[in-house]
């Protein structure tokens, strides 16, 4: 009886072992099938991308991620889907997917590219100094993050260039608001806007006008010494510029000169840059 009892104990162990082995085999087969399906979807996405069917490509890339989310291809699929959305101008969808990627795959090696693509999505929605500056600020934040954390990458090199363009638009916004306050005769807010250009965006094209406006406002307020101080600053740095000539006219009413219209034309390139890659 004892002999049969031992056999009865062994039978369940054998069955459990066999089941465990079969389960592992099934799991491996299932994972292999999932991986093959995922690779197939990913390749289909690449092919659709090549023929510029960006919307269909984005769907295939997201499908690839869903099929095998634990695969090393999953984070790349999300980025490719985001890039596809970006190419078709669906910036909101691209931003949502990139943010999900950064949260879901925080250790992925392609994070520098993700931050760059995110910055570009914000950058593409910049409309100029008279419009909402939120996308511009967000883009600058991401670009600064790239420069700080990935300084030796190609993304950082391009980020530095684009931050210069962003600063031009930010400076233009300050000048635009400053002019508005001058028309309303709100001298203190106007002064603050033009001083912001000198303090924050001193390498932009708008510095000359900002200094001239400071000369102009202080002169109107009867603060001639302060006006002369900024006139000297303008003369020392830009004594051959058109804005210096305009400043000179403030102190010499007989001197006639007008600021050329092409000043504004220089910043048109800031409105939209499409050749990103």
Protein backbone atom coordinates (compact mmCIF):
# COMPACT_ATOMS: atom_id res chain seq x y z
CA UNK A 1 0.00 0.00 0.00
CA UNK A 2 2.83 2.28 0.84
CA UNK A 3 4.26 1.67 -2.63
CA UNK A 4 1.05 2.77 -4.35
CA UNK A 5 0.79 5.75 -2.05
CA UNK A 6 4.21 6.99 -3.19
CA UNK A 7 3.19 6.60 -6.83
CA UNK A 8 0.00 8.60 -6.24
CA UNK A 9 2.12 11.40 -4.78
CA UNK A 10 4.50 11.36 -7.77
CA UNK A 11 1.79 11.45 -10.45
CA UNK A 12 0.57 14.98 -9.63
CA UNK A 13 4.19 16.19 -9.55
CA UNK A 14 4.82 14.72 -13.00
CA UNK A 15 1.62 16.27 -14.33
CA UNK A 16 2.45 19.65 -12.84
CA UNK A 17 5.96 19.53 -14.28
CA UNK A 18 4.62 18.60 -17.70
CA UNK A 19 2.02 21.36 -17.53
CA UNK A 20 4.67 23.84 -16.48
CA UNK A 21 6.87 22.84 -19.39
CA UNK A 22 3.94 23.04 -21.82
CA UNK A 23 2.95 26.46 -20.45
CA UNK A 24 6.46 27.77 -20.97
CA UNK A 25 6.52 26.42 -24.51
CA UNK A 26 3.14 27.98 -25.26
CA UNK A 27 4.32 31.27 -23.78
CA UNK A 28 7.48 31.21 -25.89
CA UNK A 29 5.49 30.39 -29.03
CA UNK A 30 2.99 33.13 -28.22
CA UNK A 31 5.75 35.68 -27.63
CA UNK A 32 7.47 34.67 -30.83
CA UNK A 33 4.24 35.10 -32.77
CA UNK A 34 3.65 38.46 -31.11
CA UNK A 35 7.14 39.60 -31.99
CA UNK A 36 6.73 38.54 -35.61
CA UNK A 37 3.40 40.37 -35.83
CA UNK A 38 4.94 43.41 -34.20
CA UNK A 39 7.88 43.46 -36.62
CA UNK A 40 5.46 43.05 -39.51
CA UNK A 41 3.40 46.04 -38.33
CA UNK A 42 6.53 48.10 -37.78
CA UNK A 43 7.81 47.35 -41.29
CA UNK A 44 4.40 48.21 -42.71
CA UNK A 45 4.58 51.53 -40.86
CA UNK A 46 8.00 52.28 -42.38
CA UNK A 47 6.71 51.47 -45.87
CA UNK A 48 3.69 53.75 -45.39
CA UNK A 49 5.99 56.47 -44.12
CA UNK A 50 8.12 56.20 -47.25
CA UNK A 51 5.09 56.75 -49.50
CA UNK A 52 3.99 59.66 -47.26
CA UNK A 53 0.83 58.05 -45.96
CA UNK A 54 1.64 59.45 -42.55
CA UNK A 55 -1.69 58.83 -40.84
CA UNK A 56 -1.78 55.15 -41.78
CA UNK A 57 1.89 54.87 -40.78
CA UNK A 58 1.19 56.26 -37.32
CA UNK A 59 -1.56 53.68 -36.80
CA UNK A 60 0.74 50.82 -37.80
CA UNK A 61 3.48 51.97 -35.44
CA UNK A 62 1.05 52.21 -32.53
CA UNK A 63 -0.30 48.78 -33.46
CA UNK A 64 3.24 47.42 -33.27
CA UNK A 65 3.62 48.75 -29.74
CA UNK A 66 0.33 47.22 -28.60
CA UNK A 67 1.21 43.82 -30.08
CA UNK A 68 4.43 43.49 -28.06
CA UNK A 69 4.70 46.29 -25.45
CA UNK A 70 7.56 44.60 -23.57
CA UNK A 71 9.74 44.46 -26.67
CA UNK A 72 12.69 46.79 -27.24
CA UNK A 73 10.87 47.88 -30.39
CA UNK A 74 7.90 49.24 -28.46
CA UNK A 75 9.42 52.62 -27.47
CA UNK A 76 10.79 53.08 -30.97
CA UNK A 77 7.32 52.40 -32.35
CA UNK A 78 5.86 55.17 -30.19
CA UNK A 79 8.49 57.62 -31.41
CA UNK A 80 7.91 56.67 -35.03
CA UNK A 81 4.17 57.15 -34.55
CA UNK A 82 4.86 60.55 -33.01
CA UNK A 83 7.13 61.46 -35.92
CA UNK A 84 4.40 60.40 -38.36
CA UNK A 85 1.90 62.64 -36.58
CA UNK A 86 4.44 65.46 -36.68
CA UNK A 87 4.93 65.10 -40.44
CA UNK A 88 1.20 65.43 -41.09
CA UNK A 89 0.91 68.45 -38.80
CA UNK A 90 -0.99 66.69 -36.01
CA UNK A 91 1.16 68.30 -33.35
CA UNK A 92 -1.24 67.73 -30.46
CA UNK A 93 -1.33 63.97 -31.10
CA UNK A 94 2.44 63.92 -31.52
CA UNK A 95 2.94 65.75 -28.22
CA UNK A 96 0.57 63.38 -26.39
CA UNK A 97 2.44 60.33 -27.67
CA UNK A 98 5.87 61.75 -26.88
CA UNK A 99 4.82 62.58 -23.33
CA UNK A 100 3.47 59.04 -22.95
CA UNK A 101 6.75 57.66 -24.29
CA UNK A 102 8.78 59.68 -21.76
CA UNK A 103 6.58 58.43 -18.93
CA UNK A 104 6.36 54.80 -20.07
CA UNK A 105 9.95 54.30 -21.24
CA UNK A 106 12.06 56.61 -19.03
CA UNK A 107 15.27 54.64 -19.61
CA UNK A 108 15.06 54.32 -23.38
CA UNK A 109 18.21 55.37 -25.23
CA UNK A 110 16.28 57.56 -27.70
CA UNK A 111 15.18 60.11 -25.10
CA UNK A 112 17.29 62.94 -26.62
CA UNK A 113 15.42 62.53 -29.90
CA UNK A 114 12.07 62.45 -28.05
CA UNK A 115 12.79 65.77 -26.35
CA UNK A 116 13.95 67.25 -29.65
CA UNK A 117 10.80 66.10 -31.46
CA UNK A 118 8.68 67.50 -28.64
CA UNK A 119 10.46 70.84 -28.95
CA UNK A 120 9.86 70.85 -32.70
CA UNK A 121 6.15 70.16 -32.25
CA UNK A 122 5.89 73.26 -30.07
CA UNK A 123 8.20 75.18 -32.42
CA UNK A 124 6.00 74.51 -35.44
CA UNK A 125 3.03 76.20 -33.80
CA UNK A 126 4.85 79.52 -33.27
CA UNK A 127 2.92 82.21 -35.13
CA UNK A 128 4.89 85.39 -34.43
CA UNK A 129 5.19 88.10 -31.84
CA UNK A 130 1.52 89.14 -32.02
CA UNK A 131 0.16 85.67 -31.19
CA UNK A 132 0.18 83.32 -28.20
CA UNK A 133 3.71 82.80 -26.88
CA UNK A 134 2.97 79.58 -24.94
CA UNK A 135 4.27 77.21 -27.68
CA UNK A 136 7.38 79.35 -28.02
CA UNK A 137 8.12 79.21 -24.28
CA UNK A 138 7.53 75.45 -24.18
CA UNK A 139 9.78 74.92 -27.18
CA UNK A 140 12.57 76.96 -25.61
CA UNK A 141 12.23 74.95 -22.39
CA UNK A 142 12.68 71.64 -24.24
CA UNK A 143 15.55 72.96 -26.35
CA UNK A 144 17.31 74.24 -23.23
CA UNK A 145 16.80 70.83 -21.63
CA UNK A 146 18.53 69.19 -24.60
CA UNK A 147 21.49 71.58 -24.47
CA UNK A 148 21.92 71.01 -20.75
CA UNK A 149 21.49 67.22 -20.68
CA UNK A 150 22.74 66.15 -24.14
CA UNK A 151 25.28 68.86 -25.05
CA UNK A 152 27.37 66.74 -27.42
CA UNK A 153 24.53 65.60 -29.67
CA UNK A 154 23.45 66.95 -33.05
CA UNK A 155 20.16 67.82 -31.39
CA UNK A 156 21.96 70.21 -29.03
CA UNK A 157 23.71 71.90 -31.95
CA UNK A 158 20.41 72.58 -33.70
CA UNK A 159 18.75 73.51 -30.41
CA UNK A 160 21.22 76.38 -29.92
CA UNK A 161 20.39 77.74 -33.36
CA UNK A 162 16.64 77.54 -32.78
CA UNK A 163 16.87 79.17 -29.36
CA UNK A 164 18.48 82.16 -31.08
CA UNK A 165 15.48 82.37 -33.40
CA UNK A 166 13.09 82.00 -30.47
CA UNK A 167 14.84 84.82 -28.64
CA UNK A 168 14.36 87.02 -31.70
CA UNK A 169 10.61 86.41 -31.51
CA UNK A 170 10.52 86.99 -27.76
CA UNK A 171 12.40 90.26 -28.22
CA UNK A 172 10.01 91.23 -31.02
CA UNK A 173 7.11 90.59 -28.63
CA UNK A 174 8.63 92.91 -26.04
CA UNK A 175 9.13 95.64 -28.64
CA UNK A 176 5.60 95.15 -29.97
CA UNK A 177 4.11 95.56 -26.49
CA UNK A 178 6.42 98.48 -25.75
CA UNK A 179 5.16 100.32 -28.82
CA UNK A 180 1.59 99.58 -27.77
CA UNK A 181 2.21 101.14 -24.35
CA UNK A 182 3.82 104.19 -25.98
CA UNK A 183 0.64 104.77 -28.02
CA UNK A 184 -1.38 104.52 -24.80
CA UNK A 185 1.12 106.84 -23.06
CA UNK A 186 1.76 104.20 -20.41
CA UNK A 187 5.40 105.09 -19.95
CA UNK A 188 6.42 102.77 -17.10
CA UNK A 189 5.15 99.53 -18.72
CA UNK A 190 6.75 100.67 -21.98
CA UNK A 191 10.10 101.28 -20.28
CA UNK A 192 9.95 97.85 -18.65
CA UNK A 193 9.36 96.11 -21.98
CA UNK A 194 12.29 97.78 -23.70
CA UNK A 195 14.56 97.17 -20.72
CA UNK A 196 13.61 93.48 -20.91
CA UNK A 197 15.05 93.41 -24.43
CA UNK A 198 18.36 94.80 -23.16
CA UNK A 199 18.51 92.47 -20.16
CA UNK A 200 17.22 89.23 -21.68
CA UNK A 201 17.73 89.44 -25.45
CA UNK A 202 20.79 91.63 -25.93
CA UNK A 203 22.07 89.62 -28.91
CA UNK A 204 18.92 90.05 -31.02
CA UNK A 205 18.20 92.42 -33.87
CA UNK A 206 15.74 94.35 -31.71
CA UNK A 207 18.27 95.80 -29.27
CA UNK A 208 18.90 98.94 -31.32
CA UNK A 209 15.24 99.89 -31.45
CA UNK A 210 14.79 99.08 -27.76
CA UNK A 211 17.60 101.48 -26.79
CA UNK A 212 16.21 104.15 -29.09
CA UNK A 213 12.77 103.80 -27.50
CA UNK A 214 14.30 104.26 -24.06
CA UNK A 215 15.97 107.45 -25.26
CA UNK A 216 12.66 108.60 -26.72
CA UNK A 217 10.56 107.89 -23.60
CA UNK A 218 12.99 109.39 -21.10
CA UNK A 219 13.25 112.50 -23.26
CA UNK A 220 9.44 112.86 -23.33
CA UNK A 221 9.36 112.47 -19.55
CA UNK A 222 11.86 115.30 -19.18
CA UNK A 223 14.60 112.99 -17.86
CA UNK A 224 17.27 114.27 -20.23
CA UNK A 225 20.27 112.81 -18.38
CA UNK A 226 18.76 109.32 -18.49
CA UNK A 227 17.90 109.85 -22.14
CA UNK A 228 21.47 110.89 -22.93
CA UNK A 229 22.81 107.85 -21.10
CA UNK A 230 20.95 105.49 -23.44
CA UNK A 231 21.78 107.65 -26.45
CA UNK A 232 25.48 107.24 -25.59
CA UNK A 233 24.99 103.49 -25.25
CA UNK A 234 23.38 103.35 -28.68
CA UNK A 235 26.08 105.53 -30.21
CA UNK A 236 28.90 103.46 -28.69
CA UNK A 237 27.53 100.17 -30.02
CA UNK A 238 25.54 101.11 -33.13
CA UNK A 239 26.74 104.53 -34.26
CA UNK A 240 26.30 103.66 -37.94
CA UNK A 241 22.82 102.19 -37.52
CA UNK A 242 19.54 103.73 -38.64
CA UNK A 243 18.15 103.78 -35.10
CA UNK A 244 21.10 105.88 -33.95
CA UNK A 245 20.28 108.43 -36.64
CA UNK A 246 16.70 108.45 -35.40
CA UNK A 247 17.96 108.98 -31.86
CA UNK A 248 20.17 111.83 -33.02
CA UNK A 249 17.07 113.53 -34.44
CA UNK A 250 15.52 113.64 -30.95
CA UNK A 251 18.25 116.03 -29.83
CA UNK A 252 18.53 117.82 -33.18
CA UNK A 253 15.06 118.47 -34.58
CA UNK A 254 16.40 119.67 -37.91
CA UNK A 255 18.00 116.31 -38.67
CA UNK A 256 15.63 114.29 -40.88
CA UNK A 257 15.81 110.54 -41.18
CA UNK A 258 13.35 107.66 -41.24
CA UNK A 259 13.81 104.10 -40.10
CA UNK A 260 13.75 101.74 -43.12
CA UNK A 261 10.77 99.42 -43.49
CA UNK A 262 12.98 96.38 -44.03
CA UNK A 263 13.64 96.18 -40.28
CA UNK A 264 10.50 94.14 -39.85
CA UNK A 265 11.22 91.98 -42.86
CA UNK A 266 14.32 90.56 -41.19
CA UNK A 267 12.21 88.65 -38.68
CA UNK A 268 9.85 87.00 -41.16
CA UNK A 269 11.95 83.86 -41.12
CA UNK A 270 11.02 83.47 -37.44
CA UNK A 271 7.40 82.76 -38.25
CA UNK A 272 7.85 79.30 -39.74
CA UNK A 273 10.82 76.93 -40.27
CA UNK A 274 9.91 73.65 -41.89
CA UNK A 275 13.24 72.12 -42.90
CA UNK A 276 13.93 70.42 -39.60
CA UNK A 277 15.51 67.13 -40.68
